[in-house]
Structure formats: C-alpha cells, structure tokens
Amino acid sequence: MANAVKKYSISCELARKMADRAMAKAREIGVAENVAIPDDAGILKAFSRMDGTSIPTIEIARNKAYTALFGVTQEFFNFIQGEPVAFGRHPHASSRGGVRWRVSHQGGR
C-alpha cells in the first residue's frame, strides 16, 4: 500500500514486563506504587496497582506516564504562565512526569 506507513509501538508483552519490573523495584525499596505504561499515543497499555495505594493515585500514575511520554510543550508552558491554576485543567497534566523510557522497535531503551 503506497498510502500506508508502518508504525512501531510497544507490545503488550513488553509493557507488562516493564510494569512487572517497576513493581519489583517498588517492593525492593519498600514503597507502594501504581505503574502506568502508555503506548506511543499515550493510551494505557499496562497498569499495575500495589496494595496500599490510594484511589486518587491511579489517575496520578496515568497522568505522570502521559507527561513522561510527551513532556511539557512550550505552548502548554505559555498557557499556564500567569495562571498556574490553569495547569489543573489539562486532562493529562502532571507536575512531574514518571520515568521516561524510550523503547525502540529493536527492543532497546
């Protein structure tokens, strides 16, 4: 097909492995965490919630993953200048993103 492009995205298997490793690390350091892994479009691909995490942290984890994936754009930064409360109006905004891992189609980071 001449009008199609090949798109690489994270596999369900890799997303699950990433979430499992993050959960293992959280257990190792003794913290309860939610882990959200989005695909390249920011859509949730894998999610894990440890016992002891509060309900609001589910959405916070998802928003941090989104922010880590896309970062904060200059346009968004300009939007919140002068009205910091506007930051809370962005549906996926998080003041700090999660861990940013780039995954290549060869499986590297």
Protein backbone atom coordinates (compact mmCIF):
# COMPACT_ATOMS: atom_id res chain seq x y z
CA MET A 1 0.00 0.00 0.00
CA ALA A 2 1.54 3.24 -1.09
CA ASN A 3 -0.53 5.36 1.31
CA ALA A 4 0.21 3.41 4.47
CA VAL A 5 3.05 3.78 6.93
CA LYS A 6 4.47 1.20 9.24
CA LYS A 7 4.12 2.25 12.86
CA TYR A 8 6.03 0.74 15.75
CA SER A 9 4.51 0.68 19.20
CA ILE A 10 5.15 -1.06 22.47
CA SER A 11 3.86 -4.62 22.62
CA CYS A 12 1.54 -5.77 25.37
CA GLU A 13 4.20 -8.27 26.41
CA LEU A 14 6.91 -5.60 26.78
CA ALA A 15 4.54 -3.20 28.58
CA ARG A 16 3.68 -5.96 31.05
CA LYS A 17 7.38 -6.76 31.61
CA MET A 18 8.11 -3.08 32.25
CA ALA A 19 5.27 -2.83 34.76
CA ASP A 20 6.38 -6.04 36.49
CA ARG A 21 9.97 -4.78 36.82
CA ALA A 22 8.79 -1.44 38.19
CA MET A 23 6.60 -3.25 40.74
CA ALA A 24 9.53 -5.44 41.76
CA LYS A 25 11.69 -2.34 42.28
CA ALA A 26 8.95 -0.69 44.36
CA ARG A 27 8.76 -3.78 46.57
CA GLU A 28 12.57 -3.82 46.85
CA ILE A 29 12.69 -0.24 48.11
CA GLY A 30 9.60 -0.66 50.28
CA VAL A 31 7.09 1.66 48.64
CA ALA A 32 3.58 1.08 47.34
CA GLU A 33 3.22 2.29 43.77
CA ASN A 34 0.90 2.38 40.81
CA VAL A 35 2.62 1.77 37.49
CA ALA A 36 1.16 3.01 34.21
CA ILE A 37 2.71 2.17 30.84
CA PRO A 38 1.27 4.04 27.83
CA ASP A 39 1.74 3.23 24.18
CA ASP A 40 3.21 5.75 21.72
CA ALA A 41 -0.14 7.58 21.52
CA GLY A 42 -0.42 7.95 25.29
CA ILE A 43 -3.10 5.27 25.61
CA LEU A 44 -2.73 2.99 28.62
CA LYS A 45 -1.13 -0.32 27.60
CA ALA A 46 -0.36 -1.85 31.03
CA PHE A 47 -1.22 -0.89 34.58
CA SER A 48 -0.41 -2.36 37.99
CA ARG A 49 -1.62 -1.18 41.39
CA MET A 50 0.05 -2.35 44.57
CA ASP A 51 -1.86 -2.96 47.78
CA GLY A 52 -1.86 0.12 49.97
CA THR A 53 -2.05 2.74 47.24
CA SER A 54 -4.84 5.30 47.45
CA ILE A 55 -7.53 5.59 44.80
CA PRO A 56 -6.51 9.07 43.52
CA THR A 57 -3.00 7.80 42.77
CA ILE A 58 -4.39 5.63 39.96
CA GLU A 59 -5.13 8.68 37.82
CA ILE A 60 -1.96 10.42 39.00
CA ALA A 61 0.15 7.48 37.76
CA ARG A 62 -1.59 7.55 34.39
CA ASN A 63 -1.09 11.31 34.08
CA LYS A 64 2.58 11.07 35.04
CA ALA A 65 3.14 8.39 32.40
CA TYR A 66 1.48 10.64 29.79
CA THR A 67 3.62 13.60 30.84
CA ALA A 68 6.79 11.47 30.77
CA LEU A 69 5.92 10.33 27.25
CA PHE A 70 5.11 13.70 25.74
CA GLY A 71 6.77 16.15 28.13
CA VAL A 72 5.50 19.66 28.68
CA THR A 73 5.42 21.67 25.47
CA GLN A 74 6.33 25.34 25.18
CA GLU A 75 2.72 26.00 24.16
CA PHE A 76 1.46 24.39 27.36
CA PHE A 77 4.05 26.23 29.46
CA ASN A 78 2.95 29.54 27.91
CA PHE A 79 -0.69 28.61 28.59
CA ILE A 80 -0.12 28.21 32.34
CA GLN A 81 2.11 31.30 32.71
CA GLY A 82 0.28 33.92 34.71
CA GLU A 83 -2.47 31.49 35.70
CA PRO A 84 -0.88 28.47 37.40
CA VAL A 85 -4.30 27.17 38.37
CA ALA A 86 -4.90 26.51 34.65
CA PHE A 87 -2.41 23.66 34.97
CA GLY A 88 -5.11 21.61 36.67
CA ARG A 89 -7.42 22.00 33.69
CA HIS A 90 -5.29 19.91 31.34
CA PRO A 91 -6.78 16.39 31.29
CA HIS A 92 -3.42 14.59 31.49
CA ALA A 93 -1.14 17.16 33.08
CA SER A 94 1.13 16.16 35.89
CA SER A 95 3.57 18.46 37.61
CA ARG A 96 6.28 15.85 37.27
CA GLY A 97 6.39 13.03 34.81
CA GLY A 98 7.21 9.46 35.63
CA VAL A 99 10.26 7.58 34.44
CA ARG A 100 10.89 8.22 30.77
CA TRP A 101 11.88 5.08 28.86
CA ARG A 102 12.23 5.12 25.13
CA VAL A 103 11.70 1.76 23.53
CA SER A 104 12.95 1.15 20.01
CA HIS A 105 11.43 -1.42 17.69
CA GLN A 106 14.60 -3.47 18.22
CA GLY A 107 13.74 -3.72 21.91
CA GLY A 108 16.33 -1.28 23.26
CA ARG A 109 15.78 1.53 25.71
